[in-house]
Amino acid sequence: MIAYSALTLVALLLLYLLSAFTLSRISTAREKDTRPEMAIYILTNGVHTDLVVPVKSEYIDWSQYIPFSNTSSKDTTAQWLAFGWGDKGFYLETPTWADLKFGTAFKAAFRLSTSAVHATYYRMMSENKECRKIEISKAQYARLVAYIRNTLDTTAGGMPVYIPTTANYGKHDAFYEARGSYHLFHTCNTWANNGLKSCGQKACVWTIFDTGIFYQYK
């Protein structure tokens, strides 16, 4: 009985990973007649994908919602803002993989935790294998703005809820409460992939890994 249960778990895990790999290699089409009116970026740290947008545009000044003052540097010269979504426990309790605890991973995998948005300011972006530039139209960017804003949990006044913490990754980032639940089938990379879909860009049918997203932008 124990052996049968173990084999079943292994089979389910293999099916999960095979599905994740296969569906991440199948592309959704980019919207036709896309005008290259402004740039966004996708950025990975090797595991996690961020969506990077201009700090200021005709559609939104993100610094009014994600204040520079919430970062330890308080640097107001940044031109770009990276958004990542994920499990709050992972973000705040696991600065490195060595810090990962079974309880944190279990809660994240089975939808037992809350989520957070990690926002990081950058002065400039440079394209490389971890960072890809995507040209989109203004109308598509407006949809991406709506997607990101709908991810952020907000106060009655519509402002994102800042999370005071010392678990920041550097001097230019901050954390905010988010909507939605992280789990085995909806990871940080699923969120980023869905963000690309929201603004009509090429994306994976489904992915849980950053490699699927960047496969589409080789």
C-alpha atoms as a PDB file:
ATOM      1  CA  MET A   1       0.000   0.000   0.000  1.00  0.00           C
ATOM      2  CA  ILE A   2       2.812   2.382   0.901  1.00  0.00           C
ATOM      3  CA  ALA A   3       4.684   1.484  -2.284  1.00  0.00           C
ATOM      4  CA  TYR A   4       1.542   2.037  -4.379  1.00  0.00           C
ATOM      5  CA  SER A   5       0.975   5.453  -2.772  1.00  0.00           C
ATOM      6  CA  ALA A   6       4.592   6.413  -3.384  1.00  0.00           C
ATOM      7  CA  LEU A   7       4.384   5.382  -7.048  1.00  0.00           C
ATOM      8  CA  THR A   8       1.160   7.349  -7.452  1.00  0.00           C
ATOM      9  CA  LEU A   9       2.785  10.471  -6.029  1.00  0.00           C
ATOM     10  CA  VAL A  10       5.798  10.065  -8.324  1.00  0.00           C
ATOM     11  CA  ALA A  11       3.515   9.594 -11.341  1.00  0.00           C
ATOM     12  CA  LEU A  12       1.494  12.708 -10.462  1.00  0.00           C
ATOM     13  CA  LEU A  13       4.679  14.727 -10.006  1.00  0.00           C
ATOM     14  CA  LEU A  14       6.019  13.588 -13.364  1.00  0.00           C
ATOM     15  CA  LEU A  15       2.700  14.409 -15.045  1.00  0.00           C
ATOM     16  CA  TYR A  16       2.728  17.859 -13.413  1.00  0.00           C
ATOM     17  CA  LEU A  17       6.268  18.601 -14.594  1.00  0.00           C
ATOM     18  CA  LEU A  18       5.654  17.212 -18.081  1.00  0.00           C
ATOM     19  CA  SER A  19       2.513  19.313 -18.455  1.00  0.00           C
ATOM     20  CA  ALA A  20       4.354  22.387 -17.191  1.00  0.00           C
ATOM     21  CA  PHE A  21       7.167  21.874 -19.703  1.00  0.00           C
ATOM     22  CA  THR A  22       4.916  21.066 -22.678  1.00  0.00           C
ATOM     23  CA  LEU A  23       2.389  23.879 -22.193  1.00  0.00           C
ATOM     24  CA  SER A  24       5.149  26.429 -21.559  1.00  0.00           C
ATOM     25  CA  ARG A  25       6.566  25.688 -25.020  1.00  0.00           C
ATOM     26  CA  ILE A  26       3.245  26.313 -26.756  1.00  0.00           C
ATOM     27  CA  SER A  27       2.755  30.000 -27.562  1.00  0.00           C
ATOM     28  CA  THR A  28      -0.293  32.188 -27.477  1.00  0.00           C
ATOM     29  CA  ALA A  29      -0.294  34.577 -30.424  1.00  0.00           C
ATOM     30  CA  ARG A  30       0.659  38.205 -30.129  1.00  0.00           C
ATOM     31  CA  GLU A  31      -2.117  40.611 -31.081  1.00  0.00           C
ATOM     32  CA  LYS A  32      -1.949  41.667 -34.704  1.00  0.00           C
ATOM     33  CA  ASP A  33      -1.209  45.236 -35.764  1.00  0.00           C
ATOM     34  CA  THR A  34       0.576  46.042 -32.503  1.00  0.00           C
ATOM     35  CA  ARG A  35       2.058  49.523 -32.646  1.00  0.00           C
ATOM     36  CA  PRO A  36       5.509  49.816 -31.006  1.00  0.00           C
ATOM     37  CA  GLU A  37       4.648  52.953 -29.025  1.00  0.00           C
ATOM     38  CA  MET A  38       6.334  52.191 -25.712  1.00  0.00           C
ATOM     39  CA  ALA A  39       8.596  49.627 -24.087  1.00  0.00           C
ATOM     40  CA  ILE A  40       8.188  47.216 -21.217  1.00  0.00           C
ATOM     41  CA  TYR A  41      10.597  44.499 -20.070  1.00  0.00           C
ATOM     42  CA  ILE A  42      10.505  41.017 -18.632  1.00  0.00           C
ATOM     43  CA  LEU A  43      13.230  40.316 -16.079  1.00  0.00           C
ATOM     44  CA  THR A  44      14.263  37.096 -14.357  1.00  0.00           C
ATOM     45  CA  ASN A  45      16.561  36.325 -11.452  1.00  0.00           C
ATOM     46  CA  GLY A  46      16.843  32.747 -12.678  1.00  0.00           C
ATOM     47  CA  VAL A  47      13.654  31.581 -10.952  1.00  0.00           C
ATOM     48  CA  HIS A  48      11.161  34.409 -10.827  1.00  0.00           C
ATOM     49  CA  THR A  49       9.870  36.718 -13.596  1.00  0.00           C
ATOM     50  CA  ASP A  50       9.112  40.407 -13.059  1.00  0.00           C
ATOM     51  CA  LEU A  51       7.156  42.717 -15.364  1.00  0.00           C
ATOM     52  CA  VAL A  52       9.034  46.001 -15.737  1.00  0.00           C
ATOM     53  CA  VAL A  53       7.209  49.197 -16.684  1.00  0.00           C
ATOM     54  CA  PRO A  54       8.058  52.921 -16.986  1.00  0.00           C
ATOM     55  CA  VAL A  55       7.755  54.785 -13.696  1.00  0.00           C
ATOM     56  CA  LYS A  56       5.907  57.624 -15.416  1.00  0.00           C
ATOM     57  CA  SER A  57       3.731  57.708 -18.504  1.00  0.00           C
ATOM     58  CA  GLU A  58       0.596  59.445 -19.690  1.00  0.00           C
ATOM     59  CA  TYR A  59      -1.418  56.624 -18.127  1.00  0.00           C
ATOM     60  CA  ILE A  60       0.051  56.488 -14.634  1.00  0.00           C
ATOM     61  CA  ASP A  61       2.783  57.810 -12.397  1.00  0.00           C
ATOM     62  CA  TRP A  62       3.611  54.707 -10.416  1.00  0.00           C
ATOM     63  CA  SER A  63       5.634  56.673  -7.872  1.00  0.00           C
ATOM     64  CA  GLN A  64       2.356  58.118  -6.603  1.00  0.00           C
ATOM     65  CA  TYR A  65       1.173  54.602  -5.722  1.00  0.00           C
ATOM     66  CA  ILE A  66       4.486  52.892  -4.981  1.00  0.00           C
ATOM     67  CA  PRO A  67       6.305  55.744  -3.210  1.00  0.00           C
ATOM     68  CA  PHE A  68      10.068  56.054  -3.463  1.00  0.00           C
ATOM     69  CA  SER A  69       9.949  56.789   0.266  1.00  0.00           C
ATOM     70  CA  ASN A  70       8.994  53.158   0.962  1.00  0.00           C
ATOM     71  CA  THR A  71      12.422  52.021  -0.251  1.00  0.00           C
ATOM     72  CA  SER A  72      15.468  52.383   1.973  1.00  0.00           C
ATOM     73  CA  SER A  73      17.358  54.409  -0.670  1.00  0.00           C
ATOM     74  CA  LYS A  74      14.441  56.788  -1.314  1.00  0.00           C
ATOM     75  CA  ASP A  75      16.089  57.375  -4.709  1.00  0.00           C
ATOM     76  CA  THR A  76      13.753  59.396  -6.931  1.00  0.00           C
ATOM     77  CA  THR A  77      15.856  59.095 -10.107  1.00  0.00           C
ATOM     78  CA  ALA A  78      14.578  55.637 -11.092  1.00  0.00           C
ATOM     79  CA  GLN A  79      13.004  55.379 -14.552  1.00  0.00           C
ATOM     80  CA  TRP A  80      11.686  51.808 -14.343  1.00  0.00           C
ATOM     81  CA  LEU A  81       9.631  49.803 -11.864  1.00  0.00           C
ATOM     82  CA  ALA A  82       9.615  45.994 -11.739  1.00  0.00           C
ATOM     83  CA  PHE A  83       6.588  44.166 -10.380  1.00  0.00           C
ATOM     84  CA  GLY A  84       6.637  40.594  -9.171  1.00  0.00           C
ATOM     85  CA  TRP A  85       3.822  38.677  -7.516  1.00  0.00           C
ATOM     86  CA  GLY A  86       4.184  35.684  -5.248  1.00  0.00           C
ATOM     87  CA  ASP A  87       3.620  33.939  -1.959  1.00  0.00           C
ATOM     88  CA  LYS A  88       4.044  36.335   0.961  1.00  0.00           C
ATOM     89  CA  GLY A  89       5.823  33.738   3.090  1.00  0.00           C
ATOM     90  CA  PHE A  90       8.350  33.010   0.365  1.00  0.00           C
ATOM     91  CA  TYR A  91       9.029  36.687  -0.160  1.00  0.00           C
ATOM     92  CA  LEU A  92       9.415  37.684   3.485  1.00  0.00           C
ATOM     93  CA  GLU A  93      10.767  34.524   5.102  1.00  0.00           C
ATOM     94  CA  THR A  94      12.996  33.040   2.387  1.00  0.00           C
ATOM     95  CA  PRO A  95      15.672  35.505   1.253  1.00  0.00           C
ATOM     96  CA  THR A  96      17.751  32.531  -0.006  1.00  0.00           C
ATOM     97  CA  TRP A  97      16.912  28.889  -0.772  1.00  0.00           C
ATOM     98  CA  ALA A  98      18.928  27.942   2.331  1.00  0.00           C
ATOM     99  CA  ASP A  99      16.278  29.719   4.406  1.00  0.00           C
ATOM    100  CA  LEU A 100      13.386  27.733   2.923  1.00  0.00           C
ATOM    101  CA  LYS A 101      11.317  25.940   5.557  1.00  0.00           C
ATOM    102  CA  PHE A 102       8.996  23.009   4.924  1.00  0.00           C
ATOM    103  CA  GLY A 103       6.046  24.903   6.425  1.00  0.00           C
ATOM    104  CA  THR A 104       6.544  27.865   4.110  1.00  0.00           C
ATOM    105  CA  ALA A 105       6.779  25.645   1.020  1.00  0.00           C
ATOM    106  CA  PHE A 106       3.764  23.547   2.070  1.00  0.00           C
ATOM    107  CA  LYS A 107       1.553  26.585   2.641  1.00  0.00           C
ATOM    108  CA  ALA A 108       2.582  28.101  -0.676  1.00  0.00           C
ATOM    109  CA  ALA A 109       2.021  24.907  -2.639  1.00  0.00           C
ATOM    110  CA  PHE A 110      -1.444  24.263  -1.257  1.00  0.00           C
ATOM    111  CA  ARG A 111      -2.922  27.740  -1.195  1.00  0.00           C
ATOM    112  CA  LEU A 112      -2.645  28.171   2.567  1.00  0.00           C
ATOM    113  CA  SER A 113      -0.869  31.521   2.581  1.00  0.00           C
ATOM    114  CA  THR A 114      -1.475  35.063   1.401  1.00  0.00           C
ATOM    115  CA  SER A 115       0.283  36.802  -1.488  1.00  0.00           C
ATOM    116  CA  ALA A 116       2.401  39.899  -1.929  1.00  0.00           C
ATOM    117  CA  VAL A 117       3.745  42.139  -4.662  1.00  0.00           C
ATOM    118  CA  HIS A 118       7.463  42.882  -4.749  1.00  0.00           C
ATOM    119  CA  ALA A 119       8.175  46.258  -6.365  1.00  0.00           C
ATOM    120  CA  THR A 120      11.731  47.233  -7.330  1.00  0.00           C
ATOM    121  CA  TYR A 121      12.924  50.514  -8.820  1.00  0.00           C
ATOM    122  CA  TYR A 122      15.687  50.659 -11.460  1.00  0.00           C
ATOM    123  CA  ARG A 123      17.454  53.653 -12.959  1.00  0.00           C
ATOM    124  CA  MET A 124      17.915  51.907 -16.304  1.00  0.00           C
ATOM    125  CA  MET A 125      17.301  48.582 -18.026  1.00  0.00           C
ATOM    126  CA  SER A 126      19.738  46.718 -20.258  1.00  0.00           C
ATOM    127  CA  GLU A 127      18.773  43.829 -22.498  1.00  0.00           C
ATOM    128  CA  ASN A 128      20.550  40.512 -21.920  1.00  0.00           C
ATOM    129  CA  LYS A 129      19.563  36.871 -21.498  1.00  0.00           C
ATOM    130  CA  GLU A 130      17.834  37.701 -18.185  1.00  0.00           C
ATOM    131  CA  CYS A 131      16.109  40.831 -19.485  1.00  0.00           C
ATOM    132  CA  ARG A 132      14.037  41.192 -22.649  1.00  0.00           C
ATOM    133  CA  LYS A 133      12.503  44.330 -24.120  1.00  0.00           C
ATOM    134  CA  ILE A 134       8.971  44.194 -25.556  1.00  0.00           C
ATOM    135  CA  GLU A 135       7.454  46.989 -27.651  1.00  0.00           C
ATOM    136  CA  ILE A 136       3.715  47.445 -27.120  1.00  0.00           C
ATOM    137  CA  SER A 137       1.030  49.971 -27.981  1.00  0.00           C
ATOM    138  CA  LYS A 138      -0.286  52.581 -25.589  1.00  0.00           C
ATOM    139  CA  ALA A 139      -3.679  50.877 -25.449  1.00  0.00           C
ATOM    140  CA  GLN A 140      -2.004  47.583 -24.550  1.00  0.00           C
ATOM    141  CA  TYR A 141      -0.001  49.288 -21.843  1.00  0.00           C
ATOM    142  CA  ALA A 142      -3.197  50.710 -20.356  1.00  0.00           C
ATOM    143  CA  ARG A 143      -4.476  47.129 -20.050  1.00  0.00           C
ATOM    144  CA  LEU A 144      -1.244  46.023 -18.379  1.00  0.00           C
ATOM    145  CA  VAL A 145      -1.559  48.891 -15.890  1.00  0.00           C
ATOM    146  CA  ALA A 146      -5.067  47.702 -15.048  1.00  0.00           C
ATOM    147  CA  TYR A 147      -3.807  44.130 -14.620  1.00  0.00           C
ATOM    148  CA  ILE A 148      -1.084  45.169 -12.173  1.00  0.00           C
ATOM    149  CA  ARG A 149      -3.350  47.524 -10.242  1.00  0.00           C
ATOM    150  CA  ASN A 150      -5.976  44.813  -9.904  1.00  0.00           C
ATOM    151  CA  THR A 151      -3.307  42.564  -8.377  1.00  0.00           C
ATOM    152  CA  LEU A 152      -2.502  45.052  -5.610  1.00  0.00           C
ATOM    153  CA  ASP A 153      -4.634  44.956  -2.485  1.00  0.00           C
ATOM    154  CA  THR A 154      -5.714  48.498  -1.684  1.00  0.00           C
ATOM    155  CA  THR A 155      -7.108  50.687   1.047  1.00  0.00           C
ATOM    156  CA  ALA A 156     -10.563  52.265   0.865  1.00  0.00           C
ATOM    157  CA  GLY A 157      -8.835  55.222  -0.797  1.00  0.00           C
ATOM    158  CA  GLY A 158      -7.384  53.017  -3.536  1.00  0.00           C
ATOM    159  CA  MET A 159      -3.768  53.051  -2.338  1.00  0.00           C
ATOM    160  CA  PRO A 160      -1.656  49.858  -2.270  1.00  0.00           C
ATOM    161  CA  VAL A 161      -1.116  48.444   1.234  1.00  0.00           C
ATOM    162  CA  TYR A 162       2.575  48.725   2.113  1.00  0.00           C
ATOM    163  CA  ILE A 163       4.155  45.891   4.121  1.00  0.00           C
ATOM    164  CA  PRO A 164       6.710  47.231   6.634  1.00  0.00           C
ATOM    165  CA  THR A 165       9.570  44.715   6.750  1.00  0.00           C
ATOM    166  CA  THR A 166      13.327  44.369   6.974  1.00  0.00           C
ATOM    167  CA  ALA A 167      13.241  41.470   4.490  1.00  0.00           C
ATOM    168  CA  ASN A 168      13.944  43.715   1.498  1.00  0.00           C
ATOM    169  CA  TYR A 169      16.300  42.363  -1.155  1.00  0.00           C
ATOM    170  CA  GLY A 170      18.142  45.646  -1.590  1.00  0.00           C
ATOM    171  CA  LYS A 171      17.870  49.417  -1.228  1.00  0.00           C
ATOM    172  CA  HIS A 172      15.352  50.026  -4.005  1.00  0.00           C
ATOM    173  CA  ASP A 173      12.497  47.618  -3.288  1.00  0.00           C
ATOM    174  CA  ALA A 174       9.385  47.321  -1.137  1.00  0.00           C
ATOM    175  CA  PHE A 175       6.562  44.847  -0.547  1.00  0.00           C
ATOM    176  CA  TYR A 176       2.807  45.323  -0.822  1.00  0.00           C
ATOM    177  CA  GLU A 177      -0.223  43.227   0.014  1.00  0.00           C
ATOM    178  CA  ALA A 178      -1.675  41.465  -3.011  1.00  0.00           C
ATOM    179  CA  ARG A 179      -4.782  39.701  -4.203  1.00  0.00           C
ATOM    180  CA  GLY A 180      -4.910  36.106  -5.333  1.00  0.00           C
ATOM    181  CA  SER A 181      -3.388  32.899  -4.017  1.00  0.00           C
ATOM    182  CA  TYR A 182      -0.110  31.262  -4.931  1.00  0.00           C
ATOM    183  CA  HIS A 183      -0.290  27.490  -5.410  1.00  0.00           C
ATOM    184  CA  LEU A 184       1.108  24.628  -7.473  1.00  0.00           C
ATOM    185  CA  PHE A 185      -0.780  25.686 -10.589  1.00  0.00           C
ATOM    186  CA  HIS A 186      -0.491  29.458 -10.189  1.00  0.00           C
ATOM    187  CA  THR A 187       3.025  30.645  -9.396  1.00  0.00           C
ATOM    188  CA  CYS A 188       4.854  33.941  -9.668  1.00  0.00           C
ATOM    189  CA  ASN A 189       5.677  33.090 -13.273  1.00  0.00           C
ATOM    190  CA  THR A 190       2.063  32.213 -14.057  1.00  0.00           C
ATOM    191  CA  TRP A 191       1.172  35.708 -12.865  1.00  0.00           C
ATOM    192  CA  ALA A 192       3.797  37.323 -15.119  1.00  0.00           C
ATOM    193  CA  ASN A 193       2.729  35.167 -18.075  1.00  0.00           C
ATOM    194  CA  ASN A 194      -0.901  36.183 -17.549  1.00  0.00           C
ATOM    195  CA  GLY A 195       0.233  39.803 -17.449  1.00  0.00           C
ATOM    196  CA  LEU A 196       1.713  39.416 -20.933  1.00  0.00           C
ATOM    197  CA  LYS A 197      -1.545  37.848 -22.107  1.00  0.00           C
ATOM    198  CA  SER A 198      -3.505  40.753 -20.624  1.00  0.00           C
ATOM    199  CA  CYS A 199      -1.773  43.190 -22.944  1.00  0.00           C
ATOM    200  CA  GLY A 200      -1.829  41.008 -26.036  1.00  0.00           C
ATOM    201  CA  GLN A 201       1.767  39.832 -26.081  1.00  0.00           C
ATOM    202  CA  LYS A 202       3.250  36.457 -26.911  1.00  0.00           C
ATOM    203  CA  ALA A 203       3.094  34.163 -23.906  1.00  0.00           C
ATOM    204  CA  CYS A 204       2.895  30.517 -22.859  1.00  0.00           C
ATOM    205  CA  VAL A 205      -0.382  28.653 -22.823  1.00  0.00           C
ATOM    206  CA  TRP A 206       0.519  27.984 -19.177  1.00  0.00           C
ATOM    207  CA  THR A 207       3.738  28.063 -17.212  1.00  0.00           C
ATOM    208  CA  ILE A 208       4.980  27.788 -13.657  1.00  0.00           C
ATOM    209  CA  PHE A 209       8.612  28.480 -14.542  1.00  0.00           C
ATOM    210  CA  ASP A 210      10.439  31.545 -15.851  1.00  0.00           C
ATOM    211  CA  THR A 211      12.114  29.445 -18.549  1.00  0.00           C
ATOM    212  CA  GLY A 212       8.793  29.046 -20.353  1.00  0.00           C
ATOM    213  CA  ILE A 213       8.301  32.801 -20.621  1.00  0.00           C
ATOM    214  CA  PHE A 214      11.837  33.486 -21.814  1.00  0.00           C
ATOM    215  CA  TYR A 215      11.611  30.618 -24.312  1.00  0.00           C
ATOM    216  CA  GLN A 216       9.001  32.758 -26.103  1.00  0.00           C
ATOM    217  CA  TYR A 217      11.446  35.676 -26.351  1.00  0.00           C
ATOM    218  CA  LYS A 218      14.665  34.028 -27.504  1.00  0.00           C
END
